[in-house]
Amino acid sequence: MSTQAHLIAQLRSMLQLTQTEVQVARIRVAQARTDAVRRELVENSLNAEQRTAEITRELQRLGGVADVVSPLVGRVGAVVKSTVEQAGPVDEALLGDLTLEHQLRDRAVYLRALAEAAKDDDVRRLADRLEEAHAATIEWLTTVLAEHALGGPPALKPTPVQMVVGGATRAVRLPVNFAREQISRWAARVQQGGEQVRTVVADTADRAARFGDDAREVVTTGRDAALDRAERVSRREGAGDTAEALHEARARLGALHPSELPIQRYDELGVNDAVSKIKQLDDVEDLNKVIVYEEANKNRSGIISAAQTRHAALAQEVAGIR
C-alpha cells in the first residue's frame, strides 16, 4: 500500500472516531454539573465538529471517496457506548472517554509520521492540531477523574441509571451503607444505653432503609433531622466512630448546619464574598462540604462554579498536571 493510501486509511479511521467524539460530547453536556462545565462541553463538541470538517477536506484533497457512512457510524458508536456505560458508574464512563481520546491522540502522532514520509505539509499541520486538541481533552478528563477520586462532586453528574446501578452518587448510596454497615456496630456499642437509644437506632435504621428504596426520600427534611439526631445521640453515648460516619453522611447529603461549614457565617455571605472565601480553601473535604451544601440549599451557580474550579485545581495537583 502506498504512503498516500495509508494517509487516506488513517484519515478515514480518525474521521469515524471523531464523529463518535462529537456525539459523546453532546451526551456529556446533559451531565454537566455547572454552567461553566456545560459551556466547555458545548465548545468541545463544536471543536470536534470542526476537526471533522478539516479531516474530511484533507480526505477529499487526497482523492479519498466522500464518506457519508462515518458520521452515521460515529453516531451509532456513541449511542452504543452511552448505552453500555449505563451498567457501570460514571468513572468507568469517563475512563472510556479517556481511552477514546488517547486513541485519537496516538493516531494523530502516527498521522504526522505518515505525512512526514509523504512530505505532505497540509496533513502534517492537521496532525499537529489534532494532537494538541486531544492532549488538552486528555488533561481535562484526567482532572475530572481526579476530582471523582478525591470524593468530591465531579464536573459531570451520573445519569439516573448510573446513580442506581453503579452507585456513583453517594447521596443515594450512603443511607443504604449506613443501614447495612453502621447500625449493627452502633447497636452493639449502645446496647447498655437504655430503651431510648435502642428506639432511636431502630427508627433511624427504618428511615435509612426507606431512603434506599426511594431516592426521592434522600432529600426530605425528615432524613436530615433523623441523621442529625442520630449523630447527637451517638456522640452522647460515646460511639465516636458511628458519629463520624453519620457526620460524613450528612456532609455528603448537604445536610450540615451553617455553623459546621469551613467558612464562618457562610449563609450571610453574598456571592462575591463567598467566592473569595472559597478560593482560600485548600482542603478537598472542606470544598466538598461547601459544594454539596450550596447545591442542597441556595444553589447559586456562581458559587458552585467557583468551588468546582478550586476543586479542579486541587485535583490537578493530585494528578500531577500542575
Protein backbone atom coordinates (compact mmCIF):
# COMPACT_ATOMS: atom_id res chain seq x y z
CA MET A 1 0.00 0.00 0.00
CA SER A 2 1.35 3.46 -0.94
CA THR A 3 2.02 6.19 1.61
CA GLN A 4 -0.93 8.19 0.28
CA ALA A 5 -3.19 5.17 0.67
CA HIS A 6 -2.00 4.86 4.28
CA LEU A 7 -2.81 8.54 4.82
CA ILE A 8 -6.31 8.09 3.43
CA ALA A 9 -6.95 4.98 5.52
CA GLN A 10 -5.78 6.72 8.70
CA LEU A 11 -7.83 9.84 7.98
CA ARG A 12 -10.92 7.70 7.47
CA SER A 13 -10.39 5.96 10.80
CA MET A 14 -9.88 9.27 12.56
CA LEU A 15 -12.99 10.70 10.92
CA GLN A 16 -15.13 7.90 12.30
CA LEU A 17 -13.63 8.19 15.79
CA THR A 18 -14.02 11.97 15.75
CA GLN A 19 -17.69 11.61 14.85
CA THR A 20 -18.05 9.38 17.89
CA GLU A 21 -16.25 12.03 19.94
CA VAL A 22 -18.74 14.67 18.79
CA GLN A 23 -21.73 12.60 19.87
CA VAL A 24 -20.15 11.66 23.22
CA ALA A 25 -19.50 15.36 23.93
CA ARG A 26 -23.17 16.11 23.26
CA ILE A 27 -24.22 13.35 25.65
CA ARG A 28 -21.88 14.71 28.34
CA VAL A 29 -23.46 18.20 28.04
CA ALA A 30 -26.59 16.83 29.71
CA GLN A 31 -24.45 15.56 32.60
CA ALA A 32 -22.67 18.85 33.31
CA ARG A 33 -22.86 19.88 36.95
CA THR A 34 -22.31 23.61 36.36
CA ASP A 35 -22.92 26.14 33.60
CA ALA A 36 -19.17 26.59 33.17
CA VAL A 37 -18.66 22.88 32.55
CA ARG A 38 -21.67 22.85 30.23
CA ARG A 39 -20.19 25.66 28.16
CA GLU A 40 -16.86 23.86 27.97
CA LEU A 41 -18.51 20.65 26.78
CA VAL A 42 -20.53 22.52 24.16
CA GLU A 43 -17.30 24.14 22.96
CA ASN A 44 -15.63 20.71 22.87
CA SER A 45 -18.45 19.41 20.72
CA LEU A 46 -18.18 22.34 18.30
CA ASN A 47 -14.39 21.94 18.11
CA ALA A 48 -14.79 18.24 17.37
CA GLU A 49 -17.21 19.11 14.57
CA GLN A 50 -14.60 21.49 13.17
CA ARG A 51 -11.99 18.75 13.30
CA THR A 52 -14.41 16.51 11.43
CA ALA A 53 -14.69 19.09 8.66
CA GLU A 54 -10.90 19.51 8.48
CA ILE A 55 -10.31 15.76 8.23
CA THR A 56 -12.98 15.48 5.54
CA ARG A 57 -11.34 18.25 3.48
CA GLU A 58 -7.97 16.50 3.63
CA LEU A 59 -9.56 13.24 2.59
CA GLN A 60 -11.15 14.89 -0.41
CA ARG A 61 -7.90 16.66 -1.36
CA LEU A 62 -6.08 13.34 -1.33
CA GLY A 63 -8.71 11.79 -3.57
CA GLY A 64 -10.47 9.83 -0.88
CA VAL A 65 -14.07 8.95 -1.64
CA ALA A 66 -16.54 11.27 0.08
CA ASP A 67 -17.54 9.39 3.22
CA VAL A 68 -21.21 9.59 4.14
CA VAL A 69 -21.07 6.48 6.31
CA SER A 70 -18.60 7.60 9.00
CA PRO A 71 -20.92 10.21 10.54
CA LEU A 72 -23.64 7.59 10.92
CA VAL A 73 -21.17 5.05 12.29
CA GLY A 74 -19.91 7.66 14.73
CA ARG A 75 -23.40 8.39 15.98
CA VAL A 76 -24.19 4.71 16.35
CA GLY A 77 -20.89 4.16 18.16
CA ALA A 78 -21.68 6.93 20.60
CA VAL A 79 -25.17 5.58 21.27
CA VAL A 80 -23.80 2.07 21.85
CA LYS A 81 -21.09 3.47 24.13
CA SER A 82 -23.55 5.54 26.18
CA THR A 83 -25.96 2.61 26.45
CA VAL A 84 -23.32 0.12 27.58
CA GLU A 85 -21.82 2.51 30.12
CA GLN A 86 -25.16 2.80 31.90
CA ALA A 87 -24.34 -0.53 33.50
CA GLY A 88 -21.36 1.00 35.29
CA PRO A 89 -20.55 4.05 37.42
CA VAL A 90 -19.68 7.43 35.96
CA ASP A 91 -15.93 6.97 36.47
CA GLU A 92 -15.98 3.94 34.17
CA ALA A 93 -17.77 6.02 31.52
CA LEU A 94 -15.12 8.72 31.83
CA LEU A 95 -12.35 6.14 31.56
CA GLY A 96 -13.97 5.05 28.31
CA ASP A 97 -13.90 8.66 27.09
CA LEU A 98 -10.24 8.87 28.09
CA THR A 99 -9.45 5.73 26.10
CA LEU A 100 -11.08 7.26 23.02
CA GLU A 101 -9.06 10.48 23.39
CA HIS A 102 -5.80 8.58 23.85
CA GLN A 103 -6.50 6.61 20.68
CA LEU A 104 -7.22 9.79 18.74
CA ARG A 105 -4.06 11.46 20.03
CA ASP A 106 -1.94 8.41 19.22
CA ARG A 107 -3.43 8.23 15.74
CA ALA A 108 -2.62 11.92 15.25
CA VAL A 109 1.02 11.18 16.10
CA TYR A 110 1.02 8.32 13.59
CA LEU A 111 -0.69 10.53 11.01
CA ARG A 112 2.06 13.13 11.39
CA ALA A 113 4.71 10.45 10.80
CA LEU A 114 2.89 9.34 7.65
CA ALA A 115 2.65 12.95 6.50
CA GLU A 116 6.37 13.43 7.07
CA ALA A 117 7.11 10.35 4.97
CA ALA A 118 4.78 11.60 2.21
CA LYS A 119 6.13 15.17 2.52
CA ASP A 120 2.57 16.43 2.86
CA ASP A 121 2.69 19.64 4.87
CA ASP A 122 -1.08 20.10 4.96
CA VAL A 123 -1.68 16.76 6.64
CA ARG A 124 1.28 17.30 8.96
CA ARG A 125 -0.17 20.62 10.16
CA LEU A 126 -3.56 18.97 10.63
CA ALA A 127 -1.94 16.18 12.66
CA ASP A 128 -0.25 18.78 14.89
CA ARG A 129 -3.58 20.50 15.59
CA LEU A 130 -5.29 17.20 16.29
CA GLU A 131 -2.60 16.04 18.70
CA GLU A 132 -2.74 19.33 20.61
CA ALA A 133 -6.53 19.25 20.85
CA HIS A 134 -6.70 15.68 22.10
CA ALA A 135 -3.87 16.25 24.60
CA ALA A 136 -5.91 19.11 26.10
CA THR A 137 -9.00 16.91 26.35
CA ILE A 138 -6.97 14.14 27.97
CA GLU A 139 -5.78 16.62 30.59
CA TRP A 140 -9.33 17.75 31.29
CA LEU A 141 -10.66 14.21 31.62
CA THR A 142 -7.75 13.30 33.90
CA THR A 143 -8.69 16.25 36.11
CA VAL A 144 -12.34 15.19 36.22
CA LEU A 145 -11.35 11.66 37.21
CA ALA A 146 -9.03 13.01 39.91
CA GLU A 147 -11.92 15.07 41.31
CA HIS A 148 -14.03 11.93 41.38
CA ALA A 149 -11.23 10.02 43.12
CA LEU A 150 -10.98 12.73 45.78
CA GLY A 151 -14.59 12.10 46.69
CA GLY A 152 -15.93 15.47 45.66
CA PRO A 153 -18.82 16.38 43.37
CA PRO A 154 -17.21 15.95 39.94
CA ALA A 155 -17.72 18.12 36.86
CA LEU A 156 -20.16 15.53 35.48
CA LYS A 157 -23.24 14.17 37.19
CA PRO A 158 -24.15 10.49 36.76
CA THR A 159 -27.21 9.64 34.75
CA PRO A 160 -30.22 8.34 36.73
CA VAL A 161 -29.41 4.79 35.66
CA GLN A 162 -25.78 5.14 36.79
CA MET A 163 -26.97 6.52 40.12
CA VAL A 164 -28.97 3.36 40.78
CA VAL A 165 -26.93 0.67 39.01
CA GLY A 166 -23.43 1.98 39.51
CA GLY A 167 -23.92 3.68 42.84
CA ALA A 168 -21.95 6.68 41.55
CA THR A 169 -23.74 9.16 43.77
CA ARG A 170 -23.13 8.80 47.48
CA ALA A 171 -26.32 10.67 48.25
CA VAL A 172 -28.15 7.53 47.23
CA ARG A 173 -25.61 5.02 48.45
CA LEU A 174 -24.68 6.35 51.88
CA PRO A 175 -28.04 5.78 53.62
CA VAL A 176 -28.01 2.20 52.40
CA ASN A 177 -24.42 1.73 53.55
CA PHE A 178 -25.33 3.28 56.86
CA ALA A 179 -28.23 0.88 57.36
CA ARG A 180 -26.15 -2.09 56.31
CA GLU A 181 -22.77 -1.38 57.91
CA GLN A 182 -23.29 1.05 60.77
CA ILE A 183 -26.49 0.04 62.53
CA SER A 184 -25.15 -3.26 63.83
CA ARG A 185 -21.97 -1.65 65.20
CA TRP A 186 -23.96 1.17 66.72
CA ALA A 187 -26.42 -1.21 68.34
CA ALA A 188 -23.57 -3.19 69.89
CA ARG A 189 -21.98 -0.06 71.35
CA VAL A 190 -25.14 1.33 72.86
CA GLN A 191 -26.71 -1.92 73.96
CA GLN A 192 -26.35 -0.80 77.54
CA GLY A 193 -27.60 2.70 76.80
CA GLY A 194 -31.25 2.14 77.61
CA GLU A 195 -34.51 1.76 75.79
CA GLN A 196 -34.49 5.31 74.44
CA VAL A 197 -31.28 4.78 72.49
CA ARG A 198 -32.46 1.44 71.11
CA THR A 199 -35.61 3.15 69.89
CA VAL A 200 -33.54 5.78 68.06
CA VAL A 201 -31.44 3.05 66.44
CA ALA A 202 -34.48 1.17 65.18
CA ASP A 203 -36.13 4.36 63.94
CA THR A 204 -33.01 5.50 62.08
CA ALA A 205 -32.49 2.07 60.52
CA ASP A 206 -36.07 2.09 59.30
CA ARG A 207 -35.64 5.53 57.80
CA ALA A 208 -32.36 4.60 56.10
CA ALA A 209 -33.95 1.52 54.54
CA ARG A 210 -36.75 3.62 53.10
CA PHE A 211 -34.22 6.08 51.68
CA GLY A 212 -32.58 3.26 49.74
CA ASP A 213 -35.90 2.15 48.26
CA ASP A 214 -36.84 5.58 47.00
CA ALA A 215 -34.12 8.09 46.07
CA ARG A 216 -36.53 10.97 46.45
CA GLU A 217 -36.62 10.33 50.18
CA VAL A 218 -32.92 11.26 50.31
CA VAL A 219 -33.71 14.97 50.09
CA THR A 220 -36.51 15.19 52.65
CA THR A 221 -36.37 17.22 55.82
CA GLY A 222 -37.16 14.11 57.84
CA ARG A 223 -33.94 12.49 56.65
CA ASP A 224 -31.81 15.42 57.74
CA ALA A 225 -33.47 15.58 61.16
CA ALA A 226 -33.10 11.83 61.66
CA LEU A 227 -29.40 11.79 60.79
CA ASP A 228 -28.74 14.88 62.91
CA ARG A 229 -30.49 13.35 65.90
CA ALA A 230 -28.71 10.02 65.42
CA GLU A 231 -25.32 11.75 65.35
CA ARG A 232 -26.06 13.66 68.55
CA VAL A 233 -27.24 10.53 70.35
CA SER A 234 -24.21 8.51 69.25
CA ARG A 235 -21.83 11.23 70.47
CA ARG A 236 -23.65 11.39 73.77
CA GLU A 237 -23.33 7.63 74.18
CA GLY A 238 -19.62 7.67 73.31
CA ALA A 239 -19.97 5.99 69.90
CA GLY A 240 -17.38 8.18 68.18
CA ASP A 241 -16.92 6.06 65.03
CA THR A 242 -20.65 5.94 64.40
CA ALA A 243 -20.96 9.68 64.99
CA GLU A 244 -18.25 10.37 62.43
CA ALA A 245 -19.93 8.08 59.88
CA LEU A 246 -23.20 9.92 60.41
CA HIS A 247 -21.48 13.28 60.13
CA GLU A 248 -19.92 12.23 56.83
CA ALA A 249 -23.34 11.11 55.58
CA ARG A 250 -24.82 14.50 56.49
CA ALA A 251 -21.95 16.28 54.73
CA ARG A 252 -22.40 14.21 51.58
CA LEU A 253 -26.12 14.97 51.56
CA GLY A 254 -25.73 18.72 52.10
CA ALA A 255 -27.42 18.42 55.48
CA LEU A 256 -24.83 20.16 57.64
CA HIS A 257 -25.75 23.22 59.68
CA PRO A 258 -24.18 26.51 58.50
CA SER A 259 -22.07 26.59 61.65
CA GLU A 260 -20.47 23.27 60.63
CA LEU A 261 -19.15 24.62 57.33
CA PRO A 262 -15.46 25.57 56.94
CA ILE A 263 -16.43 29.18 56.14
CA GLN A 264 -17.75 31.19 59.07
CA ARG A 265 -21.18 32.83 58.73
CA TYR A 266 -21.46 31.29 55.28
CA ASP A 267 -25.19 31.84 54.87
CA GLU A 268 -24.73 35.56 55.44
CA LEU A 269 -22.19 36.00 52.64
CA GLY A 270 -23.04 37.35 49.22
CA VAL A 271 -21.79 35.64 46.08
CA ASN A 272 -18.58 37.68 45.72
CA ASP A 273 -17.59 37.27 49.38
CA ALA A 274 -18.36 33.56 49.33
CA VAL A 275 -16.29 33.08 46.17
CA SER A 276 -13.38 34.94 47.77
CA LYS A 277 -13.51 32.66 50.82
CA ILE A 278 -13.77 29.53 48.67
CA LYS A 279 -10.60 30.44 46.77
CA GLN A 280 -8.73 30.30 50.08
CA LEU A 281 -9.78 26.72 50.87
CA ASP A 282 -7.00 24.14 50.49
CA ASP A 283 -8.74 21.06 51.87
CA VAL A 284 -10.72 18.91 49.45
CA GLU A 285 -13.22 17.80 52.07
CA ASP A 286 -13.91 21.42 53.02
CA LEU A 287 -14.66 22.20 49.39
CA ASN A 288 -16.89 19.14 49.14
CA LYS A 289 -18.92 20.31 52.13
CA VAL A 290 -19.44 23.77 50.64
CA ILE A 291 -20.37 22.50 47.16
CA VAL A 292 -22.92 19.96 48.39
CA TYR A 293 -24.37 22.36 50.96
CA GLU A 294 -24.78 25.11 48.36
CA GLU A 295 -26.40 22.74 45.87
CA ALA A 296 -28.83 21.48 48.51
CA ASN A 297 -29.81 24.98 49.67
CA LYS A 298 -29.47 28.25 47.71
CA ASN A 299 -27.87 26.58 44.67
CA ARG A 300 -26.12 29.75 43.45
CA SER A 301 -24.39 28.89 40.17
CA GLY A 302 -21.59 31.44 40.61
CA ILE A 303 -20.55 29.97 43.94
CA ILE A 304 -20.81 26.37 42.74
CA SER A 305 -18.71 27.16 39.65
CA ALA A 306 -16.05 28.86 41.76
CA ALA A 307 -15.91 25.94 44.18
CA GLN A 308 -15.77 23.49 41.28
CA THR A 309 -12.88 25.44 39.74
CA ARG A 310 -10.99 25.37 43.01
CA HIS A 311 -11.72 21.66 43.39
CA ALA A 312 -10.39 21.04 39.87
CA ALA A 313 -7.17 22.92 40.68
CA LEU A 314 -6.58 20.72 43.74
CA ALA A 315 -7.39 17.61 41.69
CA GLN A 316 -4.83 18.62 39.06
CA GLU A 317 -2.19 18.88 41.75
CA VAL A 318 -3.01 15.35 42.88
CA ALA A 319 -2.95 14.09 39.28
CA GLY A 320 0.39 15.80 38.64
CA ILE A 321 -0.99 18.01 35.88
CA ARG A 322 0.32 21.19 37.51
